[in-house]
Every structure is written in C-alpha cells, then in structure tokens.
N, C-alpha and C. Protein backbone atom coordinates (compact mmCIF):
# COMPACT_ATOMS: atom_id res chain seq x y z
N MET A 1 27.11 -33.28 89.42
CA MET A 1 26.67 -33.51 87.49
C MET A 1 27.05 -31.83 86.91
N LYS A 2 27.63 -32.85 85.54
CA LYS A 2 28.28 -31.35 85.28
C LYS A 2 27.21 -30.87 84.00
N LYS A 3 26.37 -29.19 84.30
CA LYS A 3 25.38 -28.90 83.78
C LYS A 3 25.67 -28.01 82.33
N ILE A 4 24.99 -28.27 81.24
CA ILE A 4 25.23 -27.68 79.96
C ILE A 4 24.68 -27.01 79.40
N GLU A 5 24.63 -25.81 79.87
CA GLU A 5 24.09 -24.27 78.91
C GLU A 5 23.46 -24.40 77.49
N LEU A 6 22.08 -24.26 77.33
CA LEU A 6 21.14 -23.97 76.64
C LEU A 6 20.68 -22.87 75.99
N ASP A 7 20.00 -23.16 74.10
CA ASP A 7 19.40 -21.80 74.21
C ASP A 7 18.18 -21.73 74.14
N ILE A 8 17.25 -21.10 73.34
CA ILE A 8 16.13 -20.92 72.88
C ILE A 8 16.39 -21.16 71.76
N VAL A 9 16.27 -22.57 70.62
CA VAL A 9 16.58 -22.36 68.55
C VAL A 9 14.97 -22.05 68.57
N ALA A 10 14.03 -22.53 68.54
CA ALA A 10 12.58 -22.29 67.48
C ALA A 10 11.27 -22.81 68.30
N LEU A 11 10.45 -22.57 67.69
CA LEU A 11 9.24 -22.75 68.13
C LEU A 11 7.92 -22.88 66.89
N SER A 12 8.60 -24.13 67.08
CA SER A 12 7.58 -25.02 65.83
C SER A 12 6.80 -25.48 65.65
N GLN A 13 5.65 -24.64 64.98
CA GLN A 13 4.84 -24.90 64.89
C GLN A 13 4.46 -27.09 63.97
N THR A 14 2.90 -27.50 64.07
CA THR A 14 2.95 -28.08 62.86
C THR A 14 1.13 -28.02 62.84
N VAL A 15 1.55 -28.53 61.12
CA VAL A 15 0.01 -28.13 60.76
C VAL A 15 -1.13 -29.01 61.08
N ALA A 16 -0.14 -30.60 60.69
CA ALA A 16 -0.73 -31.87 60.60
C ALA A 16 -1.63 -31.96 62.16
N GLN A 17 -0.56 -31.60 63.53
CA GLN A 17 -1.96 -31.53 64.61
C GLN A 17 -1.02 -30.22 65.27
N SER A 18 -2.70 -30.06 65.16
CA SER A 18 -2.96 -27.86 64.99
C SER A 18 -2.45 -28.48 66.97
N ASN A 19 -2.28 -28.91 67.58
CA ASN A 19 -2.57 -28.98 68.89
C ASN A 19 -1.63 -28.97 69.73
N ASN A 20 -0.59 -29.37 69.18
CA ASN A 20 1.12 -29.08 70.10
C ASN A 20 2.52 -29.12 68.87
N TYR A 21 3.14 -28.57 69.62
CA TYR A 21 4.05 -27.65 69.14
C TYR A 21 5.54 -28.20 70.45
N ALA A 22 6.22 -27.83 69.33
CA ALA A 22 7.87 -28.06 69.38
C ALA A 22 8.94 -27.17 70.02
N ILE A 23 9.15 -26.83 71.35
CA ILE A 23 10.26 -25.51 71.52
C ILE A 23 11.51 -26.78 71.39
N VAL A 24 12.41 -25.41 70.42
CA VAL A 24 13.83 -26.53 69.96
C VAL A 24 14.16 -25.52 71.69
N LEU A 25 15.41 -26.46 72.09
CA LEU A 25 16.52 -25.78 73.10
C LEU A 25 17.21 -26.73 72.14
N GLY A 26 18.76 -25.53 71.93
CA GLY A 26 19.99 -26.57 71.23
C GLY A 26 21.81 -26.04 72.48
N GLU A 27 22.23 -26.82 72.91
CA GLU A 27 23.60 -26.68 73.28
C GLU A 27 24.28 -25.25 72.82
N LYS A 28 24.12 -24.44 73.54
CA LYS A 28 25.20 -22.92 73.51
C LYS A 28 26.56 -23.17 72.53
N GLU A 29 27.29 -24.61 73.30
CA GLU A 29 29.20 -24.95 72.90
C GLU A 29 28.81 -26.10 72.37
N GLY A 30 27.64 -26.76 71.33
CA GLY A 30 27.36 -28.07 71.03
C GLY A 30 27.12 -27.71 69.62
N SER A 31 26.76 -28.81 69.37
CA SER A 31 25.45 -28.65 68.03
C SER A 31 24.13 -29.18 67.96
N ARG A 32 23.52 -30.29 69.15
CA ARG A 32 22.45 -30.90 69.63
C ARG A 32 21.84 -29.94 69.76
N ARG A 33 20.49 -30.48 69.51
CA ARG A 33 19.09 -29.62 69.36
C ARG A 33 18.92 -30.68 70.63
N LEU A 34 17.72 -30.40 71.40
CA LEU A 34 16.42 -30.89 72.40
C LEU A 34 15.26 -30.19 72.20
N PRO A 35 14.14 -30.89 71.27
CA PRO A 35 13.12 -30.46 70.83
C PRO A 35 12.44 -31.79 71.76
N ILE A 36 11.43 -30.37 72.69
CA ILE A 36 10.18 -30.97 73.94
C ILE A 36 8.76 -30.53 73.59
N ILE A 37 8.08 -31.43 73.30
CA ILE A 37 6.69 -31.28 72.49
C ILE A 37 5.78 -30.36 73.99
N ILE A 38 4.89 -29.67 73.05
CA ILE A 38 4.92 -28.32 74.31
C ILE A 38 3.37 -28.43 73.88
N GLY A 39 2.20 -28.01 74.81
CA GLY A 39 0.79 -27.40 74.41
C GLY A 39 0.52 -26.12 73.96
N ASN A 40 -0.31 -26.02 74.00
CA ASN A 40 -1.15 -24.29 72.84
C ASN A 40 -0.88 -23.73 73.71
N CYS A 41 -1.14 -23.95 75.54
CA CYS A 41 -1.19 -22.34 75.98
C CYS A 41 0.25 -21.90 76.58
N GLU A 42 0.57 -23.25 76.50
CA GLU A 42 2.47 -22.92 76.96
C GLU A 42 3.14 -22.53 75.58
N ALA A 43 2.43 -22.77 74.51
CA ALA A 43 3.27 -22.31 73.16
C ALA A 43 3.45 -20.62 73.41
N GLN A 44 1.66 -20.30 73.36
CA GLN A 44 1.28 -18.51 72.62
C GLN A 44 2.01 -18.27 74.34
N SER A 45 1.74 -18.03 75.30
CA SER A 45 3.30 -18.50 76.49
C SER A 45 4.82 -17.38 75.85
N ILE A 46 4.98 -18.66 75.23
CA ILE A 46 6.17 -18.61 74.83
C ILE A 46 6.18 -17.78 73.61
N ALA A 47 5.21 -17.54 72.89
CA ALA A 47 5.30 -16.67 72.08
C ALA A 47 4.97 -15.81 72.36
N LEU A 48 4.59 -15.23 72.93
CA LEU A 48 4.12 -13.23 73.40
C LEU A 48 5.29 -13.38 73.46
N ALA A 49 6.45 -13.78 74.55
CA ALA A 49 7.23 -13.64 76.14
C ALA A 49 8.83 -13.14 74.15
N LEU A 50 8.70 -14.39 73.86
CA LEU A 50 9.60 -13.24 72.47
C LEU A 50 9.47 -12.69 72.18
N GLU A 51 8.46 -12.36 71.46
CA GLU A 51 8.24 -11.65 71.33
C GLU A 51 7.36 -9.91 71.73
N GLY A 52 8.22 -10.05 72.24
CA GLY A 52 7.75 -8.98 73.52
C GLY A 52 6.49 -8.15 73.71
N MET A 53 4.98 -9.16 73.61
CA MET A 53 4.15 -8.71 73.74
C MET A 53 3.60 -8.18 74.81
N GLN A 54 3.23 -7.60 75.54
CA GLN A 54 2.09 -7.72 76.35
C GLN A 54 0.50 -7.50 76.80
N PRO A 55 0.42 -8.84 77.04
CA PRO A 55 -1.32 -8.70 76.89
C PRO A 55 -2.36 -8.35 77.60
N THR A 56 -3.08 -7.74 77.89
CA THR A 56 -3.83 -6.77 78.42
C THR A 56 -3.82 -7.53 79.56
N ARG A 57 -4.09 -8.16 80.28
CA ARG A 57 -4.00 -9.17 81.51
C ARG A 57 -2.90 -9.74 81.56
N PRO A 58 -2.78 -10.51 82.88
CA PRO A 58 -1.29 -10.93 82.59
C PRO A 58 -1.73 -12.16 82.92
N LEU A 59 -1.01 -13.08 81.81
CA LEU A 59 -1.33 -14.22 81.80
C LEU A 59 -0.63 -15.26 82.66
N THR A 60 -0.61 -16.57 83.31
CA THR A 60 -0.43 -16.88 83.97
C THR A 60 0.95 -17.36 84.87
N HIS A 61 1.92 -17.22 83.34
CA HIS A 61 3.25 -17.04 83.83
C HIS A 61 4.21 -15.13 84.37
N ASP A 62 3.22 -15.23 83.65
CA ASP A 62 3.40 -13.42 83.89
C ASP A 62 3.08 -12.96 85.31
N LEU A 63 1.59 -13.90 85.97
CA LEU A 63 1.19 -13.68 87.33
C LEU A 63 2.46 -13.70 88.54
N ILE A 64 3.46 -15.49 87.64
CA ILE A 64 4.23 -15.86 88.92
C ILE A 64 5.37 -15.03 89.15
N LYS A 65 5.44 -14.17 88.06
CA LYS A 65 6.51 -13.09 87.53
C LYS A 65 6.64 -12.29 88.89
N ASN A 66 5.33 -11.26 88.67
CA ASN A 66 4.46 -10.86 88.72
C ASN A 66 4.69 -10.35 90.29
N ILE A 67 4.59 -12.39 90.80
CA ILE A 67 4.54 -12.87 92.13
C ILE A 67 5.34 -12.62 92.50
N PHE A 68 6.95 -13.34 91.55
CA PHE A 68 8.42 -12.97 91.88
C PHE A 68 8.60 -11.37 92.75
N GLY A 69 8.70 -10.80 91.56
CA GLY A 69 9.38 -9.14 91.58
C GLY A 69 8.42 -9.27 93.09
N THR A 70 7.42 -9.32 92.92
CA THR A 70 6.89 -8.31 94.65
C THR A 70 7.36 -9.45 95.50
N PHE A 71 8.43 -10.41 95.98
CA PHE A 71 8.41 -11.06 97.30
C PHE A 71 10.01 -11.31 96.91
N ALA A 72 10.23 -10.78 95.46
CA ALA A 72 11.83 -10.16 95.88
C ALA A 72 12.19 -11.67 95.94
N ILE A 73 11.81 -12.52 94.85
CA ILE A 73 12.40 -13.92 95.30
C ILE A 73 13.38 -13.58 93.43
N GLU A 74 13.93 -13.98 93.13
CA GLU A 74 15.04 -14.09 92.24
C GLU A 74 15.02 -15.38 91.13
N LEU A 75 14.41 -15.66 90.37
CA LEU A 75 15.15 -17.30 89.13
C LEU A 75 16.09 -16.62 89.30
N LYS A 76 16.86 -18.07 89.35
CA LYS A 76 19.05 -17.17 88.88
C LYS A 76 18.79 -18.34 87.81
N GLU A 77 18.32 -19.69 87.86
CA GLU A 77 17.94 -20.72 86.58
C GLU A 77 16.99 -21.27 86.27
N VAL A 78 17.35 -22.38 85.34
CA VAL A 78 16.37 -23.62 85.15
C VAL A 78 17.31 -24.55 84.82
N ILE A 79 17.22 -25.74 85.23
CA ILE A 79 17.72 -26.97 84.85
C ILE A 79 16.22 -28.64 84.64
N ILE A 80 16.37 -28.46 83.32
CA ILE A 80 16.20 -29.70 83.03
C ILE A 80 16.67 -30.96 82.96
N ASN A 81 15.59 -31.43 83.97
CA ASN A 81 16.89 -32.05 85.56
C ASN A 81 16.57 -34.05 85.27
N ASN A 82 15.79 -33.85 84.16
CA ASN A 82 15.00 -35.46 84.21
C ASN A 82 14.54 -35.44 83.31
N LEU A 83 14.99 -37.54 82.64
CA LEU A 83 13.42 -38.07 81.71
C LEU A 83 12.93 -38.85 82.58
N LEU A 84 11.97 -38.88 82.27
CA LEU A 84 11.07 -40.54 82.04
C LEU A 84 10.14 -40.70 81.70
N GLU A 85 10.09 -42.21 80.84
CA GLU A 85 9.13 -42.24 80.07
C GLU A 85 8.69 -40.94 79.14
N GLY A 86 9.69 -40.42 78.72
CA GLY A 86 9.72 -39.04 77.39
C GLY A 86 9.32 -38.54 78.08
N ILE A 87 8.93 -37.80 79.10
CA ILE A 87 8.11 -36.81 79.95
C ILE A 87 9.30 -35.86 80.69
N PHE A 88 9.65 -34.84 80.31
CA PHE A 88 10.91 -33.79 80.81
C PHE A 88 10.33 -33.91 82.48
N TYR A 89 11.41 -33.40 82.96
CA TYR A 89 10.88 -33.23 84.20
C TYR A 89 12.05 -31.21 84.45
N ALA A 90 11.44 -30.13 84.58
CA ALA A 90 13.14 -30.06 85.41
C ALA A 90 12.69 -29.12 86.67
N ARG A 91 13.57 -28.08 87.05
CA ARG A 91 13.55 -27.60 88.86
C ARG A 91 13.21 -26.18 88.35
N LEU A 92 12.76 -24.65 89.24
CA LEU A 92 13.36 -23.38 88.51
C LEU A 92 14.02 -23.60 89.89
N ILE A 93 16.18 -23.33 90.02
CA ILE A 93 16.32 -23.17 91.36
C ILE A 93 16.63 -21.64 91.43
N CYS A 94 15.94 -20.90 92.23
CA CYS A 94 15.29 -19.26 93.03
C CYS A 94 15.97 -18.83 94.36
N SER A 95 16.30 -17.43 93.58
CA SER A 95 17.16 -17.05 95.63
C SER A 95 16.24 -16.32 96.48
N LEU A 96 16.05 -16.17 97.85
CA LEU A 96 15.24 -15.78 98.37
C LEU A 96 16.12 -15.02 99.53
N ASN A 97 16.05 -13.44 99.78
CA ASN A 97 17.23 -13.46 100.79
C ASN A 97 18.41 -14.44 101.20
N GLY A 98 19.04 -14.73 100.96
CA GLY A 98 20.38 -15.20 100.37
C GLY A 98 20.13 -16.70 100.30
N GLU A 99 18.90 -17.52 100.54
CA GLU A 99 18.73 -19.10 100.24
C GLU A 99 18.40 -19.36 99.35
N VAL A 100 19.17 -20.19 99.34
CA VAL A 100 18.81 -21.23 97.46
C VAL A 100 17.63 -22.54 97.47
N PHE A 101 16.56 -21.89 96.24
CA PHE A 101 15.54 -23.61 96.75
C PHE A 101 15.02 -23.62 95.47
N GLU A 102 14.14 -25.00 95.52
CA GLU A 102 13.90 -25.39 94.40
C GLU A 102 12.97 -25.68 94.18
N ILE A 103 12.59 -25.27 92.89
CA ILE A 103 11.03 -26.05 92.96
C ILE A 103 10.85 -27.06 91.27
N ASP A 104 9.83 -27.18 91.72
CA ASP A 104 9.37 -28.35 90.75
C ASP A 104 9.25 -28.26 89.33
N ALA A 105 8.98 -28.66 88.62
CA ALA A 105 8.03 -27.54 87.84
C ALA A 105 8.15 -28.54 86.10
N ARG A 106 6.97 -28.11 85.56
CA ARG A 106 7.38 -28.30 83.68
C ARG A 106 8.07 -27.47 82.67
N SER A 107 8.00 -28.80 82.59
CA SER A 107 9.42 -28.12 81.51
C SER A 107 8.54 -26.69 80.46
N SER A 108 7.80 -27.11 79.72
CA SER A 108 7.13 -25.80 78.84
C SER A 108 6.66 -24.95 80.38
N ASP A 109 6.44 -24.60 81.43
CA ASP A 109 6.47 -24.16 82.29
C ASP A 109 7.96 -23.57 83.28
N ALA A 110 8.10 -24.06 82.83
CA ALA A 110 9.81 -23.58 83.11
C ALA A 110 10.71 -22.72 82.45
N ILE A 111 10.07 -23.09 80.86
CA ILE A 111 11.05 -21.91 79.31
C ILE A 111 9.70 -21.47 79.41
N ALA A 112 8.48 -21.37 80.33
CA ALA A 112 7.84 -19.40 79.75
C ALA A 112 9.22 -18.34 80.80
N LEU A 113 9.22 -19.16 81.77
CA LEU A 113 9.30 -18.25 83.11
C LEU A 113 10.99 -17.54 82.10
N VAL A 114 11.78 -18.73 81.76
CA VAL A 114 12.86 -18.35 81.29
C VAL A 114 12.95 -17.21 80.58
N VAL A 115 12.45 -17.28 79.57
CA VAL A 115 11.97 -15.77 78.85
C VAL A 115 11.88 -15.00 79.34
N ARG A 116 10.93 -14.77 80.03
CA ARG A 116 10.49 -13.31 81.66
C ARG A 116 11.50 -12.62 82.30
N HIS A 117 12.42 -13.92 82.35
CA HIS A 117 13.06 -13.26 83.68
C HIS A 117 14.89 -13.76 82.29
N GLU A 118 14.36 -14.20 81.36
CA GLU A 118 16.14 -13.86 80.74
C GLU A 118 17.34 -14.89 81.97
N CYS A 119 16.64 -15.71 82.22
CA CYS A 119 17.87 -16.59 83.40
C CYS A 119 18.08 -17.34 82.23
N PRO A 120 18.94 -18.77 82.93
CA PRO A 120 20.22 -19.78 81.82
C PRO A 120 19.24 -20.73 82.42
N ILE A 121 18.94 -21.11 81.47
CA ILE A 121 18.76 -22.75 81.48
C ILE A 121 19.33 -23.66 81.10
N TYR A 122 19.07 -24.97 81.42
CA TYR A 122 20.75 -25.97 81.12
C TYR A 122 19.81 -26.81 81.57
N THR A 123 20.90 -28.67 81.32
CA THR A 123 20.14 -29.94 80.86
C THR A 123 21.93 -30.22 81.80
N TYR A 124 21.58 -31.71 81.22
CA TYR A 124 22.67 -32.85 81.86
C TYR A 124 23.12 -34.33 80.50
N GLU A 125 23.80 -34.10 80.11
CA GLU A 125 24.88 -35.08 79.27
C GLU A 125 23.72 -36.04 79.26
N PHE A 126 23.26 -36.95 80.81
CA PHE A 126 22.65 -37.75 79.76
C PHE A 126 21.07 -37.83 79.18
N ILE A 127 20.16 -36.34 79.15
CA ILE A 127 19.27 -36.20 79.26
C ILE A 127 19.10 -35.85 77.39
N LEU A 128 20.08 -35.19 77.17
CA LEU A 128 21.12 -35.22 75.39
C LEU A 128 21.16 -36.28 75.28
N GLU A 129 21.92 -37.54 75.36
CA GLU A 129 22.36 -38.55 74.93
C GLU A 129 21.07 -39.28 75.25
N ALA A 130 19.62 -39.44 75.76
CA ALA A 130 19.32 -40.04 75.28
C ALA A 130 17.49 -39.27 73.75
N ALA A 131 18.14 -37.67 74.08
CA ALA A 131 17.23 -36.94 73.25
C ALA A 131 17.51 -36.11 72.52
N GLY A 132 17.92 -35.50 72.39
CA GLY A 132 19.24 -34.37 72.29
C GLY A 132 19.46 -35.45 70.56
N ILE A 133 19.80 -34.25 69.83
CA ILE A 133 19.32 -35.09 67.82
C ILE A 133 20.52 -34.03 68.01
N GLU A 134 21.32 -34.53 66.58
CA GLU A 134 22.60 -34.26 66.45
C GLU A 134 22.09 -33.23 65.29
N PHE A 135 22.74 -32.65 65.04
CA PHE A 135 22.72 -30.92 63.77
C PHE A 135 24.11 -31.15 62.80
N LYS A 136 25.29 -31.44 63.60
CA LYS A 136 26.54 -31.06 63.51
C LYS A 136 26.78 -30.92 61.42
N ASP A 137 25.67 -31.71 60.44
CA ASP A 137 25.80 -31.57 59.27
C ASP A 137 25.13 -30.77 58.83
N MET A 138 23.84 -29.52 59.94
CA MET A 138 23.90 -28.73 59.35
C MET A 138 24.32 -27.70 58.68
N ASP A 139 23.92 -26.77 57.85
CA ASP A 139 25.12 -25.07 57.39
C ASP A 139 23.84 -24.01 58.64
N GLU A 140 25.35 -24.22 60.22
CA GLU A 140 24.22 -23.78 61.08
C GLU A 140 24.01 -21.98 61.32
N GLU A 141 24.72 -21.99 59.78
CA GLU A 141 24.23 -19.66 59.55
C GLU A 141 23.15 -20.05 59.38
N HIS A 142 23.13 -20.57 57.90
CA HIS A 142 21.01 -21.22 57.88
C HIS A 142 20.21 -21.76 58.88
N ALA A 143 20.51 -22.52 59.22
CA ALA A 143 19.93 -23.23 60.53
C ALA A 143 19.62 -22.37 61.26
N ASP A 144 21.00 -20.84 62.14
CA ASP A 144 19.70 -19.72 62.95
C ASP A 144 19.41 -18.89 62.00
N ALA A 145 19.03 -18.86 60.79
CA ALA A 145 18.91 -17.97 60.08
C ALA A 145 17.29 -18.07 60.13
N SER A 146 17.24 -19.38 60.30
CA SER A 146 15.98 -20.52 60.00
C SER A 146 14.89 -19.81 61.15
N SER A 147 15.51 -20.66 62.10
CA SER A 147 14.89 -20.32 63.00
C SER A 147 14.81 -19.81 64.47
N ASP A 148 15.89 -18.31 64.27
CA ASP A 148 15.32 -17.58 65.43
C ASP A 148 14.84 -17.06 65.04
N VAL A 149 13.62 -17.15 66.32
CA VAL A 149 12.49 -16.88 66.71
C VAL A 149 11.62 -16.03 67.49
N LYS A 150 13.63 -14.98 67.50
CA LYS A 150 13.17 -14.02 68.18
C LYS A 150 12.81 -13.16 66.93
N GLY A 151 12.85 -12.92 65.48
CA GLY A 151 12.78 -11.91 64.74
C GLY A 151 11.54 -12.40 63.62
N GLU A 152 10.77 -13.99 64.02
CA GLU A 152 9.66 -14.49 63.37
C GLU A 152 8.06 -13.82 64.17
N LYS A 153 7.14 -13.82 63.40
CA LYS A 153 6.02 -13.68 64.17
C LYS A 153 5.39 -14.61 64.11
N LEU A 154 5.10 -15.42 65.25
CA LEU A 154 3.91 -16.95 65.74
C LEU A 154 3.18 -16.14 65.78
N GLU A 155 2.22 -17.10 65.18
CA GLU A 155 1.34 -17.18 65.56
C GLU A 155 0.61 -18.63 66.01
N VAL A 156 -0.03 -18.89 67.54
CA VAL A 156 -0.47 -19.47 67.96
C VAL A 156 -1.71 -19.44 67.99
N GLU A 157 -2.53 -20.71 67.89
CA GLU A 157 -4.14 -20.23 68.94
C GLU A 157 -3.95 -20.90 69.96
N LEU A 158 -4.68 -20.12 70.67
CA LEU A 158 -5.15 -20.53 72.68
C LEU A 158 -6.00 -21.61 72.74
N SER A 159 -5.74 -23.01 73.25
CA SER A 159 -6.87 -23.83 73.14
C SER A 159 -6.45 -24.56 74.75
N SER A 160 -7.37 -25.39 75.06
CA SER A 160 -6.67 -25.99 76.82
C SER A 160 -6.60 -27.63 76.69
N SER A 161 -6.51 -27.32 75.63
CA SER A 161 -5.27 -29.43 75.54
C SER A 161 -4.49 -29.56 76.04
N GLU A 162 -4.01 -30.20 76.68
CA GLU A 162 -2.72 -31.01 77.20
C GLU A 162 -2.04 -30.97 76.48
N ASP A 163 -0.40 -30.92 77.07
CA ASP A 163 0.24 -32.01 76.05
C ASP A 163 0.22 -33.30 75.70
N SER A 164 0.39 -33.57 74.24
CA SER A 164 -0.52 -34.76 73.84
C SER A 164 0.63 -35.56 73.33
N SER A 165 -0.08 -37.01 74.02
CA SER A 165 1.08 -37.98 73.26
C SER A 165 0.72 -39.46 72.73
N ASP A 166 0.42 -38.22 71.23
CA ASP A 166 -0.06 -39.39 70.08
C ASP A 166 0.41 -40.01 70.34
N SER A 167 0.45 -41.55 69.29
CA SER A 167 1.56 -41.67 68.30
C SER A 167 1.59 -42.87 66.79
N GLU A 168 1.01 -41.19 66.54
CA GLU A 168 0.98 -41.28 64.92
C GLU A 168 1.64 -41.68 63.92
N TYR A 169 2.75 -41.99 64.94
CA TYR A 169 3.84 -43.25 63.97
C TYR A 169 3.71 -43.97 64.67
N SER A 170 3.42 -45.07 64.72
CA SER A 170 3.47 -46.54 65.51
C SER A 170 3.11 -47.47 64.91
N ASN A 171 2.75 -47.33 63.50
CA ASN A 171 2.50 -47.99 62.17
C ASN A 171 3.35 -48.32 61.83
N PHE A 172 4.70 -47.13 62.06
CA PHE A 172 5.49 -47.36 60.37
C PHE A 172 6.61 -48.92 61.24
N THR A 173 7.33 -49.18 60.72
CA THR A 173 8.37 -49.98 60.28
C THR A 173 9.78 -49.17 61.19
N THR A 174 10.49 -50.06 61.75
CA THR A 174 11.97 -49.13 62.38
C THR A 174 12.24 -48.09 61.19
N THR A 175 13.04 -48.64 60.02
CA THR A 175 12.92 -48.58 59.08
C THR A 175 12.71 -47.55 58.93
N LYS A 176 11.88 -47.36 58.07
CA LYS A 176 10.75 -46.27 57.79
C LYS A 176 10.73 -45.09 58.67
N LEU A 177 10.95 -45.42 59.75
CA LEU A 177 11.34 -43.68 60.77
C LEU A 177 12.66 -43.94 61.09
N LYS A 178 13.54 -44.62 60.21
CA LYS A 178 14.91 -43.64 60.76
C LYS A 178 15.37 -42.53 59.53
N LYS A 179 14.31 -43.44 58.09
CA LYS A 179 14.27 -42.56 57.06
C LYS A 179 13.42 -41.41 56.53
N MET A 180 12.66 -41.00 57.83
CA MET A 180 11.37 -40.24 58.47
C MET A 180 12.50 -38.74 59.07
N LEU A 181 13.08 -39.46 60.04
CA LEU A 181 13.65 -38.66 61.13
C LEU A 181 14.53 -38.27 59.97
N ALA A 182 15.45 -38.56 59.10
CA ALA A 182 16.98 -38.09 59.03
C ALA A 182 15.82 -36.77 57.97
N GLU A 183 14.84 -37.16 57.41
CA GLU A 183 13.96 -36.55 56.32
C GLU A 183 14.21 -35.38 57.28
N ALA A 184 12.47 -35.43 57.93
CA ALA A 184 12.61 -34.28 59.08
C ALA A 184 14.10 -33.70 59.69
N ILE A 185 14.97 -33.78 59.71
CA ILE A 185 16.64 -33.45 60.11
C ILE A 185 16.60 -32.29 59.43
N GLU A 186 16.59 -32.70 57.69
CA GLU A 186 17.09 -32.05 57.07
C GLU A 186 16.14 -30.99 56.12
N LYS A 187 14.62 -30.63 57.53
CA LYS A 187 13.25 -30.03 56.92
C LYS A 187 13.66 -29.02 58.28
N GLU A 188 14.43 -29.25 59.21
CA GLU A 188 13.95 -28.80 60.36
C GLU A 188 12.82 -28.90 61.14
N ASP A 189 11.56 -29.46 60.77
CA ASP A 189 10.97 -30.23 60.99
C ASP A 189 10.67 -30.58 62.67
N TYR A 190 11.23 -29.92 63.86
CA TYR A 190 11.73 -29.98 64.89
C TYR A 190 10.70 -31.24 65.91
N ARG A 191 8.62 -31.02 65.69
CA ARG A 191 8.31 -31.61 66.33
C ARG A 191 8.13 -33.31 65.26
N ALA A 192 7.90 -33.80 64.66
CA ALA A 192 7.72 -34.56 64.24
C ALA A 192 9.49 -35.09 63.84
N ALA A 193 10.27 -34.84 64.26
CA ALA A 193 11.65 -35.65 64.62
C ALA A 193 11.72 -35.99 66.15
N ALA A 194 11.02 -35.36 66.96
CA ALA A 194 11.06 -35.16 68.24
C ALA A 194 9.79 -36.87 68.53
N LEU A 195 8.46 -36.29 68.20
CA LEU A 195 8.11 -37.82 68.05
C LEU A 195 8.78 -38.87 67.40
N ILE A 196 9.02 -38.71 65.87
CA ILE A 196 9.82 -40.20 65.36
C ILE A 196 11.22 -40.72 66.25
N ARG A 197 12.01 -39.76 66.99
CA ARG A 197 12.32 -40.10 68.66
C ARG A 197 12.38 -40.56 69.73
N ASP A 198 10.52 -40.05 69.90
CA ASP A 198 10.83 -40.77 70.75
C ASP A 198 9.62 -42.32 71.01
N GLU A 199 9.06 -42.48 68.93
CA GLU A 199 8.75 -43.58 69.06
C GLU A 199 9.61 -44.97 68.75
N MET A 200 11.03 -43.85 68.82
CA MET A 200 11.54 -44.94 67.90
C MET A 200 12.33 -45.50 69.29
N LYS A 201 12.37 -44.76 69.82
CA LYS A 201 13.19 -45.66 71.72
C LYS A 201 12.18 -45.46 72.66
N ASN A 202 10.87 -45.46 72.18
CA ASN A 202 9.67 -46.97 73.03
C ASN A 202 10.14 -48.20 72.61
N ARG A 203 10.73 -48.04 71.29
CA ARG A 203 10.51 -50.07 70.62
C ARG A 203 11.19 -50.77 71.30
C-alpha cells in the first residue's frame, strides 16, 4: 500500500472546549488536511518540542527518546495506519542492530515522538479519503503563514484529561453541519472542522 507523507501544519487550540486540541497534518504534495483531536498533555508535549523548549525534567516523550538513544534504537518513521470508529491508530517503525520492527502507538504519542526524532510521518489514501479535509480552494500562502506552529508561541495548559469524544454538534441537522463545516474551513478552525466531520460521518 502506497504511503503518503505528511507535515505537521498546525496545533489548534479551542476556546469553547479547553480540554481538546487538534493537531493538523497536511499532505506534502497535496492540499488535504488531516485533523486529529488530542488531549492537553499530548498537545503540550508536541508544542514544547516544536518550540525547541527543554523542560527541567524530561516529559514522558522525552524519556522515551532518551531510552531509544541509550539502547541505540532508531525511530525511522511513523505511520498513521488505521482509522476505526473515529479513532486513529499509529505504528512506530524502528530499527535495532539492522532489524526493523513495529510498535503500536496512539497517534498523539506517535506525533510527539516524530517532532523529537525529526523523522517522517505517513498515512494511507483510505485514511485521507475517510477523514481528510480538502483545502485546495484556500490561498496556500496565507494558510501556511497563519498555520506555521514553529513560528508561533503556543500556550497549552496541562491537564490529566484524555481525548474527548464529545458530541457538541449532535443536535444540528446535516444541512446545518455542512454549512458549519464550510465556515470552519474558511476560518481555519481545524478542531471544529474535525468534530463536524466526525459527526457527519457517524450519521
């Protein structure tokens, strides 16, 4: 199965629901975006790594990187390899002494390791078909400038909450959801777009 390489496009905060964030992945050679809802802890971990900030003591993902380094394990790539009932699954492709092996991981944890190891991240066409959002009509130059997480300070509060599966859009009609999705895309509100997309697919 052909792999499609992705870039980290944005880490989007939400004002209405402070416990949720969206990490947005985009095709390297395309216009589709793949928003993935993540929790506060993972969002903070990703933001700190993107900003090049070093915590006083290693966070969990820093610890994993240190373990990999100590035992000469190389993280070669990450693949967002499946999507089941709205949940993204990922695999860490690692090598040790010339042997390649795979480790199952949550997508948010996998992305937090990607930004620390600077390795590529991939997905498959069927996942982009099912959950991707097309941005071909956007002004790409403007989108890139406003979405570049590396050039912007992200303040993410730490909390112990896990990824939420809230249904804040469940009371809207499909017609209304389609309009709201278009508005979210226009405003580059990736988190809202992801939640609206998931609600529409659940119907």
